[in-house]
PDB file of N, CA and C in Angstrom:
ATOM      1  N   MET A   1       3.577  46.022   9.655  1.00  0.00           N
ATOM      2  CA  MET A   1       2.980  44.747  10.131  1.00  0.00           C
ATOM      3  C   MET A   1       2.236  44.656  11.459  1.00  0.00           C
ATOM      4  N   ARG A   2       3.045  45.870  12.108  1.00  0.00           N
ATOM      5  CA  ARG A   2       2.135  45.257  13.668  1.00  0.00           C
ATOM      6  C   ARG A   2       0.575  45.390  14.125  1.00  0.00           C
ATOM      7  N   LEU A   3       0.331  45.285  12.453  1.00  0.00           N
ATOM      8  CA  LEU A   3      -1.611  45.505  13.351  1.00  0.00           C
ATOM      9  C   LEU A   3      -1.832  43.837  13.480  1.00  0.00           C
ATOM     10  N   THR A   4      -0.408  43.226  12.311  1.00  0.00           N
ATOM     11  CA  THR A   4      -1.225  41.762  12.947  1.00  0.00           C
ATOM     12  C   THR A   4      -1.419  41.374  14.462  1.00  0.00           C
ATOM     13  N   PRO A   5      -0.789  41.880  15.246  1.00  0.00           N
ATOM     14  CA  PRO A   5      -1.255  41.505  16.828  1.00  0.00           C
ATOM     15  C   PRO A   5      -2.523  41.840  17.294  1.00  0.00           C
ATOM     16  N   VAL A   6      -2.642  42.792  16.923  1.00  0.00           N
ATOM     17  CA  VAL A   6      -3.575  44.092  17.404  1.00  0.00           C
ATOM     18  C   VAL A   6      -5.000  43.132  16.559  1.00  0.00           C
ATOM     19  N   PHE A   7      -4.943  43.140  15.198  1.00  0.00           N
ATOM     20  CA  PHE A   7      -6.159  42.007  14.930  1.00  0.00           C
ATOM     21  C   PHE A   7      -6.895  40.932  15.808  1.00  0.00           C
ATOM     22  N   PHE A   8      -5.083  40.272  15.652  1.00  0.00           N
ATOM     23  CA  PHE A   8      -4.943  38.620  16.478  1.00  0.00           C
ATOM     24  C   PHE A   8      -6.473  39.000  17.841  1.00  0.00           C
ATOM     25  N   VAL A   9      -5.430  39.941  18.588  1.00  0.00           N
ATOM     26  CA  VAL A   9      -5.980  40.366  20.291  1.00  0.00           C
ATOM     27  C   VAL A   9      -7.797  40.625  19.972  1.00  0.00           C
ATOM     28  N   LEU A  10      -8.443  41.585  19.452  1.00  0.00           N
ATOM     29  CA  LEU A  10      -9.639  41.873  19.004  1.00  0.00           C
ATOM     30  C   LEU A  10     -10.489  40.625  18.392  1.00  0.00           C
ATOM     31  N   THR A  11      -9.441  40.337  17.546  1.00  0.00           N
ATOM     32  CA  THR A  11     -10.440  38.897  16.988  1.00  0.00           C
ATOM     33  C   THR A  11     -11.115  37.939  18.519  1.00  0.00           C
ATOM     34  N   LEU A  12      -9.815  37.328  19.272  1.00  0.00           N
ATOM     35  CA  LEU A  12     -10.109  37.193  20.578  1.00  0.00           C
ATOM     36  C   LEU A  12     -10.989  38.071  21.234  1.00  0.00           C
ATOM     37  N   ALA A  13     -10.848  38.652  21.467  1.00  0.00           N
ATOM     38  CA  ALA A  13     -11.496  39.175  22.137  1.00  0.00           C
ATOM     39  C   ALA A  13     -13.736  39.086  21.936  1.00  0.00           C
ATOM     40  N   LEU A  14     -13.616  39.122  20.589  1.00  0.00           N
ATOM     41  CA  LEU A  14     -14.843  39.612  19.612  1.00  0.00           C
ATOM     42  C   LEU A  14     -15.513  38.501  19.743  1.00  0.00           C
ATOM     43  N   SER A  15     -15.168  37.307  19.732  1.00  0.00           N
ATOM     44  CA  SER A  15     -15.580  35.705  19.769  1.00  0.00           C
ATOM     45  C   SER A  15     -15.622  35.167  21.191  1.00  0.00           C
ATOM     46  N   SER A  16     -14.189  36.284  22.651  1.00  0.00           N
ATOM     47  CA  SER A  16     -15.256  35.587  23.700  1.00  0.00           C
ATOM     48  C   SER A  16     -16.192  35.882  24.330  1.00  0.00           C
ATOM     49  N   THR A  17     -16.310  37.440  23.619  1.00  0.00           N
ATOM     50  CA  THR A  17     -18.015  38.339  23.674  1.00  0.00           C
ATOM     51  C   THR A  17     -19.084  37.059  23.295  1.00  0.00           C
ATOM     52  N   ALA A  18     -18.285  36.819  21.845  1.00  0.00           N
ATOM     53  CA  ALA A  18     -19.757  36.009  21.038  1.00  0.00           C
ATOM     54  C   ALA A  18     -20.074  34.240  22.256  1.00  0.00           C
ATOM     55  N   MET A  19     -19.358  34.060  22.889  1.00  0.00           N
ATOM     56  CA  MET A  19     -19.361  32.465  23.294  1.00  0.00           C
ATOM     57  C   MET A  19     -19.812  32.697  24.445  1.00  0.00           C
ATOM     58  N   ALA A  20     -19.917  34.159  25.141  1.00  0.00           N
ATOM     59  CA  ALA A  20     -20.586  34.287  26.604  1.00  0.00           C
ATOM     60  C   ALA A  20     -21.828  34.721  26.564  1.00  0.00           C
ATOM     61  N   LYS A  21     -22.073  34.807  25.359  1.00  0.00           N
ATOM     62  CA  LYS A  21     -23.515  35.618  24.860  1.00  0.00           C
ATOM     63  C   LYS A  21     -24.043  33.860  24.973  1.00  0.00           C
ATOM     64  N   ASP A  22     -23.277  33.208  24.020  1.00  0.00           N
ATOM     65  CA  ASP A  22     -24.311  32.140  23.535  1.00  0.00           C
ATOM     66  C   ASP A  22     -24.727  30.828  24.888  1.00  0.00           C
ATOM     67  N   ASP A  23     -23.503  31.210  25.822  1.00  0.00           N
ATOM     68  CA  ASP A  23     -23.180  30.512  26.865  1.00  0.00           C
ATOM     69  C   ASP A  23     -24.614  31.062  27.664  1.00  0.00           C
ATOM     70  N   HIS A  24     -24.594  32.164  28.093  1.00  0.00           N
ATOM     71  CA  HIS A  24     -26.241  33.490  28.238  1.00  0.00           C
ATOM     72  C   HIS A  24     -27.623  32.650  28.063  1.00  0.00           C
ATOM     73  N   HIS A  25     -27.880  32.014  26.795  1.00  0.00           N
ATOM     74  CA  HIS A  25     -28.937  31.896  25.954  1.00  0.00           C
ATOM     75  C   HIS A  25     -29.097  30.396  25.980  1.00  0.00           C
ATOM     76  N   GLU A  26     -27.862  30.069  25.610  1.00  0.00           N
ATOM     77  CA  GLU A  26     -27.728  28.223  26.617  1.00  0.00           C
ATOM     78  C   GLU A  26     -28.713  28.201  27.672  1.00  0.00           C
ATOM     79  N   CYS A  27     -27.952  29.202  28.821  1.00  0.00           N
ATOM     80  CA  CYS A  27     -28.077  28.823  30.862  1.00  0.00           C
ATOM     81  C   CYS A  27     -30.095  29.074  30.016  1.00  0.00           C
ATOM     82  N   GLU A  28     -30.439  30.286  30.109  1.00  0.00           N
ATOM     83  CA  GLU A  28     -31.430  30.690  29.965  1.00  0.00           C
ATOM     84  C   GLU A  28     -32.612  30.142  28.959  1.00  0.00           C
ATOM     85  N   ALA A  29     -32.484  29.764  28.331  1.00  0.00           N
ATOM     86  CA  ALA A  29     -33.259  28.154  27.306  1.00  0.00           C
ATOM     87  C   ALA A  29     -33.253  26.683  28.186  1.00  0.00           C
ATOM     88  N   ALA A  30     -32.389  26.714  29.012  1.00  0.00           N
ATOM     89  CA  ALA A  30     -31.664  25.677  29.817  1.00  0.00           C
ATOM     90  C   ALA A  30     -32.693  25.979  31.126  1.00  0.00           C
ATOM     91  N   LEU A  31     -32.908  26.872  31.796  1.00  0.00           N
ATOM     92  CA  LEU A  31     -33.051  27.052  32.856  1.00  0.00           C
ATOM     93  C   LEU A  31     -34.513  27.270  32.410  1.00  0.00           C
ATOM     94  N   ALA A  32     -35.081  27.866  30.988  1.00  0.00           N
ATOM     95  CA  ALA A  32     -36.846  28.046  30.644  1.00  0.00           C
ATOM     96  C   ALA A  32     -37.069  26.573  31.307  1.00  0.00           C
ATOM     97  N   ARG A  33     -36.467  25.791  29.901  1.00  0.00           N
ATOM     98  CA  ARG A  33     -37.143  23.831  29.830  1.00  0.00           C
ATOM     99  C   ARG A  33     -37.201  23.469  31.275  1.00  0.00           C
ATOM    100  N   LEU A  34     -36.089  23.455  32.425  1.00  0.00           N
ATOM    101  CA  LEU A  34     -35.696  23.372  33.635  1.00  0.00           C
ATOM    102  C   LEU A  34     -37.587  23.829  34.675  1.00  0.00           C
ATOM    103  N   ASP A  35     -37.848  25.120  34.279  1.00  0.00           N
ATOM    104  CA  ASP A  35     -38.795  25.546  35.136  1.00  0.00           C
ATOM    105  C   ASP A  35     -40.071  25.061  34.460  1.00  0.00           C
ATOM    106  N   ALA A  36     -39.863  24.753  33.197  1.00  0.00           N
ATOM    107  CA  ALA A  36     -41.718  24.090  32.918  1.00  0.00           C
ATOM    108  C   ALA A  36     -42.045  22.604  32.696  1.00  0.00           C
ATOM    109  N   ALA A  37     -40.759  21.909  33.199  1.00  0.00           N
ATOM    110  CA  ALA A  37     -41.255  20.913  34.045  1.00  0.00           C
ATOM    111  C   ALA A  37     -41.594  20.350  34.989  1.00  0.00           C
ATOM    112  N   ASP A  38     -42.226  19.511  35.567  1.00  0.00           N
ATOM    113  CA  ASP A  38     -42.748  19.179  36.013  1.00  0.00           C
ATOM    114  C   ASP A  38     -42.487  18.747  37.648  1.00  0.00           C
ATOM    115  N   GLN A  39     -42.532  19.686  38.425  1.00  0.00           N
ATOM    116  CA  GLN A  39     -42.197  20.714  40.132  1.00  0.00           C
ATOM    117  C   GLN A  39     -41.413  18.425  39.834  1.00  0.00           C
ATOM    118  N   GLN A  40     -42.664  17.654  41.121  1.00  0.00           N
ATOM    119  CA  GLN A  40     -43.143  16.509  41.044  1.00  0.00           C
ATOM    120  C   GLN A  40     -42.191  15.836  40.907  1.00  0.00           C
ATOM    121  N   ARG A  41     -41.402  16.001  39.387  1.00  0.00           N
ATOM    122  CA  ARG A  41     -40.551  15.495  38.965  1.00  0.00           C
ATOM    123  C   ARG A  41     -39.337  15.296  39.954  1.00  0.00           C
ATOM    124  N   PHE A  42     -39.034  16.441  40.449  1.00  0.00           N
ATOM    125  CA  PHE A  42     -37.172  16.578  40.787  1.00  0.00           C
ATOM    126  C   PHE A  42     -37.001  15.663  41.799  1.00  0.00           C
ATOM    127  N   SER A  43     -36.177  14.825  41.426  1.00  0.00           N
ATOM    128  CA  SER A  43     -35.312  13.699  42.549  1.00  0.00           C
ATOM    129  C   SER A  43     -34.441  15.253  43.244  1.00  0.00           C
ATOM    130  N   ASP A  44     -33.309  14.471  44.858  1.00  0.00           N
ATOM    131  CA  ASP A  44     -33.091  14.957  45.584  1.00  0.00           C
ATOM    132  C   ASP A  44     -31.846  15.815  44.631  1.00  0.00           C
ATOM    133  N   ASP A  45     -31.196  14.021  43.615  1.00  0.00           N
ATOM    134  CA  ASP A  45     -30.375  14.955  42.615  1.00  0.00           C
ATOM    135  C   ASP A  45     -30.560  16.810  41.145  1.00  0.00           C
ATOM    136  N   SER A  46     -31.518  16.224  41.067  1.00  0.00           N
ATOM    137  CA  SER A  46     -31.772  17.633  39.649  1.00  0.00           C
ATOM    138  C   SER A  46     -32.207  18.900  40.732  1.00  0.00           C
ATOM    139  N   HIS A  47     -32.484  18.657  42.084  1.00  0.00           N
ATOM    140  CA  HIS A  47     -33.688  19.584  42.448  1.00  0.00           C
ATOM    141  C   HIS A  47     -32.029  20.620  43.060  1.00  0.00           C
ATOM    142  N   HIS A  48     -31.258  19.669  43.991  1.00  0.00           N
ATOM    143  CA  HIS A  48     -30.003  20.311  44.368  1.00  0.00           C
ATOM    144  C   HIS A  48     -29.467  20.444  42.279  1.00  0.00           C
ATOM    145  N   GLU A  49     -29.291  20.234  41.513  1.00  0.00           N
ATOM    146  CA  GLU A  49     -28.430  21.094  40.530  1.00  0.00           C
ATOM    147  C   GLU A  49     -29.496  22.296  39.958  1.00  0.00           C
ATOM    148  N   HIS A  50     -30.695  22.235  40.052  1.00  0.00           N
ATOM    149  CA  HIS A  50     -31.663  22.908  39.582  1.00  0.00           C
ATOM    150  C   HIS A  50     -31.160  24.448  40.071  1.00  0.00           C
ATOM    151  N   GLN A  51     -30.853  24.583  41.865  1.00  0.00           N
ATOM    152  CA  GLN A  51     -30.858  25.270  42.457  1.00  0.00           C
ATOM    153  C   GLN A  51     -29.291  25.395  42.462  1.00  0.00           C
ATOM    154  N   GLN A  52     -28.193  25.330  42.198  1.00  0.00           N
ATOM    155  CA  GLN A  52     -26.688  25.155  41.706  1.00  0.00           C
ATOM    156  C   GLN A  52     -26.742  26.157  39.699  1.00  0.00           C
ATOM    157  N   ALA A  53     -27.924  25.495  39.416  1.00  0.00           N
ATOM    158  CA  ALA A  53     -28.081  26.244  38.281  1.00  0.00           C
ATOM    159  C   ALA A  53     -28.442  27.929  38.159  1.00  0.00           C
ATOM    160  N   LYS A  54     -29.989  27.679  39.014  1.00  0.00           N
ATOM    161  CA  LYS A  54     -30.331  29.604  39.560  1.00  0.00           C
ATOM    162  C   LYS A  54     -29.208  30.116  40.112  1.00  0.00           C
ATOM    163  N   GLU A  55     -28.282  29.724  41.103  1.00  0.00           N
ATOM    164  CA  GLU A  55     -27.471  30.363  41.630  1.00  0.00           C
ATOM    165  C   GLU A  55     -25.851  31.184  40.514  1.00  0.00           C
ATOM    166  N   ALA A  56     -25.705  29.384  39.484  1.00  0.00           N
ATOM    167  CA  ALA A  56     -24.493  30.188  38.795  1.00  0.00           C
ATOM    168  C   ALA A  56     -25.691  30.961  37.724  1.00  0.00           C
ATOM    169  N   HIS A  57     -26.637  31.247  37.783  1.00  0.00           N
ATOM    170  CA  HIS A  57     -26.991  32.857  36.601  1.00  0.00           C
ATOM    171  C   HIS A  57     -26.819  33.909  37.380  1.00  0.00           C
ATOM    172  N   LYS A  58     -27.467  33.871  38.557  1.00  0.00           N
ATOM    173  CA  LYS A  58     -27.178  34.609  39.283  1.00  0.00           C
ATOM    174  C   LYS A  58     -25.635  35.592  39.535  1.00  0.00           C
ATOM    175  N   ASP A  59     -25.069  34.438  39.232  1.00  0.00           N
ATOM    176  CA  ASP A  59     -23.993  35.105  39.634  1.00  0.00           C
ATOM    177  C   ASP A  59     -22.700  34.851  38.213  1.00  0.00           C
ATOM    178  N   GLY A  60     -23.599  35.300  36.856  1.00  0.00           N
ATOM    179  CA  GLY A  60     -23.262  34.732  35.850  1.00  0.00           C
ATOM    180  C   GLY A  60     -22.503  34.492  35.547  1.00  0.00           C
ATOM    181  N   ASP A  61     -23.077  33.001  36.075  1.00  0.00           N
ATOM    182  CA  ASP A  61     -21.920  32.344  35.256  1.00  0.00           C
ATOM    183  C   ASP A  61     -22.685  31.228  34.840  1.00  0.00           C
ATOM    184  N   PHE A  62     -22.971  31.927  33.403  1.00  0.00           N
ATOM    185  CA  PHE A  62     -23.441  30.767  32.087  1.00  0.00           C
ATOM    186  C   PHE A  62     -23.435  29.524  31.843  1.00  0.00           C
ATOM    187  N   LYS A  63     -22.378  29.756  31.568  1.00  0.00           N
ATOM    188  CA  LYS A  63     -21.841  28.073  30.702  1.00  0.00           C
ATOM    189  C   LYS A  63     -21.718  27.185  32.318  1.00  0.00           C
ATOM    190  N   LYS A  64     -21.767  27.413  33.621  1.00  0.00           N
ATOM    191  CA  LYS A  64     -22.353  26.429  34.888  1.00  0.00           C
ATOM    192  C   LYS A  64     -23.311  26.317  34.225  1.00  0.00           C
ATOM    193  N   CYS A  65     -24.264  27.748  34.850  1.00  0.00           N
ATOM    194  CA  CYS A  65     -25.642  27.150  34.804  1.00  0.00           C
ATOM    195  C   CYS A  65     -25.909  26.514  33.663  1.00  0.00           C
ATOM    196  N   ALA A  66     -25.306  26.769  32.416  1.00  0.00           N
ATOM    197  CA  ALA A  66     -25.897  25.572  31.311  1.00  0.00           C
ATOM    198  C   ALA A  66     -26.216  24.211  31.156  1.00  0.00           C
ATOM    199  N   ASP A  67     -25.212  23.921  32.600  1.00  0.00           N
ATOM    200  CA  ASP A  67     -24.726  22.637  32.398  1.00  0.00           C
ATOM    201  C   ASP A  67     -25.175  21.941  33.242  1.00  0.00           C
ATOM    202  N   GLN A  68     -25.404  22.857  34.744  1.00  0.00           N
ATOM    203  CA  GLN A  68     -26.264  21.970  35.396  1.00  0.00           C
ATOM    204  C   GLN A  68     -27.511  21.899  35.407  1.00  0.00           C
ATOM    205  N   ALA A  69     -28.002  22.750  34.193  1.00  0.00           N
ATOM    206  CA  ALA A  69     -29.652  23.219  34.168  1.00  0.00           C
ATOM    207  C   ALA A  69     -29.845  21.813  32.935  1.00  0.00           C
ATOM    208  N   SER A  70     -29.128  21.396  32.506  1.00  0.00           N
ATOM    209  CA  SER A  70     -29.095  20.177  31.210  1.00  0.00           C
ATOM    210  C   SER A  70     -28.804  18.856  32.262  1.00  0.00           C
ATOM    211  N   LYS A  71     -28.094  18.855  33.359  1.00  0.00           N
ATOM    212  CA  LYS A  71     -27.415  17.832  34.125  1.00  0.00           C
ATOM    213  C   LYS A  71     -29.377  17.422  35.239  1.00  0.00           C
ATOM    214  N   ALA A  72     -29.589  18.053  35.497  1.00  0.00           N
ATOM    215  CA  ALA A  72     -30.874  18.703  36.410  1.00  0.00           C
ATOM    216  C   ALA A  72     -32.335  17.738  35.444  1.00  0.00           C
ATOM    217  N   LEU A  73     -32.475  18.402  34.296  1.00  0.00           N
ATOM    218  CA  LEU A  73     -33.211  18.131  33.276  1.00  0.00           C
ATOM    219  C   LEU A  73     -33.058  16.092  33.243  1.00  0.00           C
ATOM    220  N   ALA A  74     -31.356  15.609  32.574  1.00  0.00           N
ATOM    221  CA  ALA A  74     -31.658  14.461  32.824  1.00  0.00           C
ATOM    222  C   ALA A  74     -31.691  13.286  33.926  1.00  0.00           C
ATOM    223  N   HIS A  75     -31.612  13.877  34.973  1.00  0.00           N
ATOM    224  CA  HIS A  75     -32.204  13.451  36.100  1.00  0.00           C
ATOM    225  C   HIS A  75     -33.308  13.250  35.699  1.00  0.00           C
ATOM    226  N   MET A  76     -34.153  13.870  35.733  1.00  0.00           N
ATOM    227  CA  MET A  76     -35.738  14.287  36.094  1.00  0.00           C
ATOM    228  C   MET A  76     -35.920  13.034  35.076  1.00  0.00           C
ATOM    229  N   LYS A  77     -35.471  13.266  33.726  1.00  0.00           N
ATOM    230  CA  LYS A  77     -36.135  12.104  32.815  1.00  0.00           C
ATOM    231  C   LYS A  77     -35.783  10.422  33.218  1.00  0.00           C
ATOM    232  N   LYS A  78     -34.417  10.266  34.132  1.00  0.00           N
ATOM    233  CA  LYS A  78     -34.460   8.669  34.641  1.00  0.00           C
ATOM    234  C   LYS A  78     -35.546   8.394  35.239  1.00  0.00           C
ATOM    235  N   ASN A  79     -36.291   9.370  35.783  1.00  0.00           N
ATOM    236  CA  ASN A  79     -37.215   9.180  37.262  1.00  0.00           C
ATOM    237  C   ASN A  79     -38.645   9.329  36.338  1.00  0.00           C
TER     238      ASN A  79
END
């Protein structure tokens, strides 16, 4: 019965990897939508968030990247 803890650790590791891949794909998609948006519509807030998203992408923080890109798009839609 010692395999149960090992199985649990392996399952957790694999699910973490899958979530990281999802974050990466979400980041890439959000940046693509943001890059496709009209650059003239950037406000100070959305421009700052876009820069933060690109920096997070470069650093490999894909969750933050997707969050910041989504915030930038939301600010652009308000204006």
